[in-house]
Protein backbone atom coordinates (compact mmCIF):
# COMPACT_ATOMS: atom_id res chain seq x y z
CA MET A 1 -18.37 -8.42 0.21
CA SER A 2 -18.08 -6.31 3.30
CA ASP A 3 -15.95 -3.29 4.03
CA ARG A 4 -12.87 -4.12 6.14
CA THR A 5 -11.33 -1.56 8.45
CA PHE A 6 -7.60 -1.81 9.08
CA PHE A 7 -5.02 -0.33 11.45
CA LEU A 8 -1.33 -0.56 10.64
CA LYS A 9 1.36 -1.00 13.27
CA PRO A 10 5.04 -0.13 13.01
CA PHE A 11 7.68 -2.81 12.79
CA PRO A 12 9.52 -3.00 16.14
CA SER A 13 12.70 -0.97 15.82
CA GLN A 14 15.30 0.99 17.74
CA THR A 15 13.99 4.05 15.87
CA PRO A 16 10.93 5.43 17.65
CA ALA A 17 7.85 5.45 15.43
CA PRO A 18 6.37 8.85 14.62
CA GLN A 19 3.32 9.93 16.61
CA ILE A 20 0.82 8.97 13.92
CA GLU A 21 -1.97 6.49 13.29
CA ILE A 22 -2.36 4.78 9.92
CA SER A 23 -5.75 3.24 9.29
CA GLY A 24 -8.31 2.86 6.55
CA SER A 25 -10.67 0.52 4.84
CA VAL A 26 -10.68 -1.89 1.94
CA ASP A 27 -13.68 -3.28 0.09
CA ARG A 28 -14.38 -5.42 -2.95
CA GLN A 29 -17.68 -5.17 -4.78
CA PHE A 30 -17.72 -7.72 -7.60
CA ASN A 31 -14.31 -7.00 -9.17
CA ARG A 32 -13.93 -3.40 -8.05
CA LEU A 33 -11.48 -2.82 -5.22
CA SER A 34 -11.77 0.31 -3.07
CA ILE A 35 -9.06 1.22 -0.62
CA GLN A 36 -8.76 4.25 1.62
CA TYR A 37 -5.77 5.16 3.77
CA GLN A 38 -5.66 7.85 6.41
CA ILE A 39 -2.64 9.05 8.32
CA LEU A 40 -3.52 11.09 11.39
CA GLY A 41 -1.28 12.84 13.89
CA GLN A 42 2.01 14.73 13.87
CA LEU A 43 2.40 14.96 10.09
CA ALA A 44 4.77 17.94 10.47
CA GLU A 45 7.38 15.38 11.63
CA LEU A 46 7.07 13.41 8.37
CA ALA A 47 8.68 13.82 4.98
CA ILE A 48 5.59 13.80 2.78
CA PRO A 49 6.31 14.69 -0.83
CA ALA A 50 4.03 17.31 -2.38
CA VAL A 51 1.29 16.36 -4.85
CA THR A 52 2.41 16.71 -8.47
CA ASP A 53 0.29 18.12 -11.29
CA SER A 54 1.15 15.22 -13.61
CA PRO A 55 1.55 11.93 -11.73
CA THR A 56 3.39 9.13 -13.52
CA ARG A 57 4.54 5.57 -13.09
CA LYS A 58 7.83 5.60 -11.14
CA ASP A 59 10.19 3.07 -9.62
CA GLU A 60 11.49 3.01 -6.06
CA LEU A 61 8.62 4.98 -4.53
CA TRP A 62 9.26 3.04 -1.29
CA GLN A 63 12.47 5.07 -0.82
CA GLN A 64 10.25 7.76 0.74
CA THR A 65 6.81 7.94 2.35
CA CYS A 66 4.64 5.55 0.33
CA LEU A 67 1.36 3.71 0.89
CA GLU A 68 1.34 0.16 -0.40
CA PHE A 69 -0.77 -2.92 -0.73
CA PHE A 70 -0.10 -6.41 -1.98
CA LEU A 71 -2.74 -8.48 -3.75
CA GLY A 72 -2.57 -12.23 -4.25
CA ILE A 73 -4.95 -14.81 -5.62
CA GLU A 74 -5.94 -17.41 -3.05
CA GLY A 75 -4.06 -20.66 -3.63
CA SER A 76 -1.58 -19.13 -6.08
CA PRO A 77 1.99 -17.96 -5.40
CA GLN A 78 1.67 -14.98 -7.79
CA TYR A 79 0.96 -11.51 -6.44
CA TRP A 80 1.08 -7.80 -7.21
CA GLU A 81 2.68 -4.94 -5.29
CA PHE A 82 0.92 -1.56 -5.57
CA ASN A 83 2.91 1.56 -4.61
CA LEU A 84 0.98 4.81 -4.09
CA SER A 85 2.96 7.97 -3.38
CA PRO A 86 1.39 11.04 -1.78
CA THR A 87 2.67 12.85 -4.91
CA GLY A 88 0.18 10.90 -7.03
CA ASP A 89 2.98 8.86 -8.62
CA TRP A 90 2.43 5.12 -8.64
CA ASN A 91 3.65 1.72 -9.74
CA ILE A 92 2.41 -1.87 -9.87
CA TYR A 93 4.79 -4.83 -9.92
CA TYR A 94 3.91 -8.43 -10.71
CA PHE A 95 5.72 -11.29 -8.93
CA GLU A 96 5.59 -14.97 -9.94
CA ASP A 97 6.34 -16.05 -6.36
CA TYR A 98 7.93 -14.63 -3.20
CA ARG A 99 10.21 -11.86 -4.51
CA GLN A 100 10.70 -13.78 -7.79
CA GLY A 101 10.10 -12.67 -11.36
CA MET A 102 9.45 -9.02 -10.52
CA GLN A 103 8.29 -6.96 -13.47
CA PRO A 104 6.13 -3.87 -13.98
CA GLU A 105 2.49 -4.94 -14.46
CA ALA A 106 1.76 -3.94 -18.06
CA ALA A 107 -2.02 -4.41 -17.73
CA PHE A 108 -2.25 -0.98 -16.07
CA THR A 109 -1.19 2.23 -17.81
CA SER A 110 -2.53 4.51 -15.10
CA LEU A 111 -3.57 4.27 -11.48
CA PRO A 112 -5.74 7.25 -10.66
CA PHE A 113 -6.19 7.94 -6.98
CA VAL A 114 -7.02 10.99 -4.93
CA VAL A 115 -4.76 12.45 -2.22
CA HIS A 116 -5.81 15.05 0.35
CA ASN A 117 -2.83 16.32 2.35
CA ARG A 118 -3.68 18.59 5.30
CA PRO A 119 -1.61 19.65 8.35
CA ASN A 120 -3.03 16.92 10.66
CA TYR A 121 -4.07 14.22 8.22
CA LEU A 122 -3.44 12.67 4.84
CA LEU A 123 -6.16 10.77 2.98
CA LEU A 124 -5.66 8.60 -0.07
CA ASN A 125 -8.56 6.97 -1.97
CA LEU A 126 -8.22 4.45 -4.78
CA GLU A 127 -10.91 2.76 -6.87
CA LEU A 128 -9.50 -0.05 -9.01
CA ASN A 129 -11.08 -2.40 -11.52
CA LEU A 130 -9.38 -5.77 -11.02
CA ASP A 131 -10.65 -7.32 -14.28
CA LYS A 132 -7.21 -6.97 -15.91
CA VAL A 133 -5.52 -9.27 -13.36
CA VAL A 134 -8.17 -11.18 -11.37
CA GLU A 135 -11.29 -13.06 -12.43
CA ILE A 136 -14.42 -12.04 -10.57
CA GLU A 137 -14.91 -15.46 -8.95
CA GLN A 138 -11.34 -15.65 -7.63
CA LYS A 139 -10.81 -14.90 -3.96
CA ILE A 140 -8.05 -12.43 -3.23
CA GLU A 141 -5.74 -11.95 -0.26
CA ILE A 142 -4.43 -8.51 0.61
CA ALA A 143 -1.56 -7.15 2.69
CA ILE A 144 -1.67 -3.46 3.52
CA ALA A 145 1.50 -1.58 4.38
CA SER A 146 3.22 1.77 4.44
CA VAL A 147 6.73 3.15 4.46
CA VAL A 148 6.97 6.37 6.45
CA GLN A 149 9.96 8.68 6.31
CA SER A 150 10.59 11.28 8.99
CA LYS A 151 11.96 14.72 8.14
CA ALA A 152 15.23 13.50 9.72
CA GLY A 153 15.35 10.75 7.07
CA GLU A 154 14.52 7.81 9.38
CA MET A 155 12.31 5.13 7.86
CA THR A 156 9.59 3.19 9.67
CA TYR A 157 7.68 0.28 8.20
CA TRP A 158 3.99 -0.20 8.98
CA ALA A 159 1.77 -3.20 8.22
CA LEU A 160 -1.32 -5.09 9.33
CA THR A 161 0.97 -7.73 10.74
CA HIS A 162 4.71 -8.32 10.74
CA CYS A 163 5.45 -12.00 10.15
CA GLY A 164 9.23 -12.00 9.91
CA THR A 165 12.28 -11.00 11.90
CA GLN A 166 12.74 -8.05 9.52
CA ALA A 167 10.13 -5.75 7.98
CA ASP A 168 9.08 -7.67 4.85
CA PHE A 169 5.73 -6.84 3.26
CA HIS A 170 6.15 -9.63 0.67
CA LEU A 171 5.71 -12.52 3.12
CA ARG A 172 2.51 -14.27 2.08
CA ASP A 173 1.51 -14.85 5.72
CA SER A 174 0.99 -11.09 5.95
CA PHE A 175 -1.72 -11.13 3.24
CA ALA A 176 -4.26 -11.12 6.06
CA ILE A 177 -7.41 -9.68 4.45
CA GLU A 178 -9.47 -12.06 2.33
CA LEU A 179 -12.02 -10.68 -0.12
C-alpha cells in the first residue's frame, strides 16, 4: 500500500485557531500501520504536556493536547479510537458502533511511540502491528484528528474532514483514508 500524506484543518469556531499546521503521513505495509504527525508553527502558544519517563495507559487524554486516529474495518460498524499524548501516555478504545459499547481495547498492553518536542515543531511516530485487531486481508478506514489546547485553555479540534455540525471525530464519514 502507498504512503498517504494528510493535512488537518480546524473545526470552524468562534475561537481563532492557533497559528500552526498539523500534517503527517500514514502507511500500511501488510498488517503494520505507520503513522507520523507533525505540528509546526507557534508551539509556544500551545499547552503541550511534557514527555514522561514512564508512559502509561490513561483515560481522558483528549482533555488536553492529544493526537488521535480512528480505525475501522471496511463494511463493519466497529472501530477503535487511539489517543496519543505528547507525554507518551496513550489509550485505545473499542466501539461496537457509533459511540456505542466503548471499552478499553484489551488486546494492547502498550503502545510505544516516539515524541520529539522542539520549540517550533512536535513530531510523533507510531509503528503498530494490527494483527491483534485486524486480519491482513481486511481493508481499513482511518480518520485522523487532534485536540489542541492553547495556554489560555481554549480547545480547538482538528481533523481531515469535519462531517457534522459539531466537532465529532467518531462520525464514520470522516474515516476518509482507506488502506
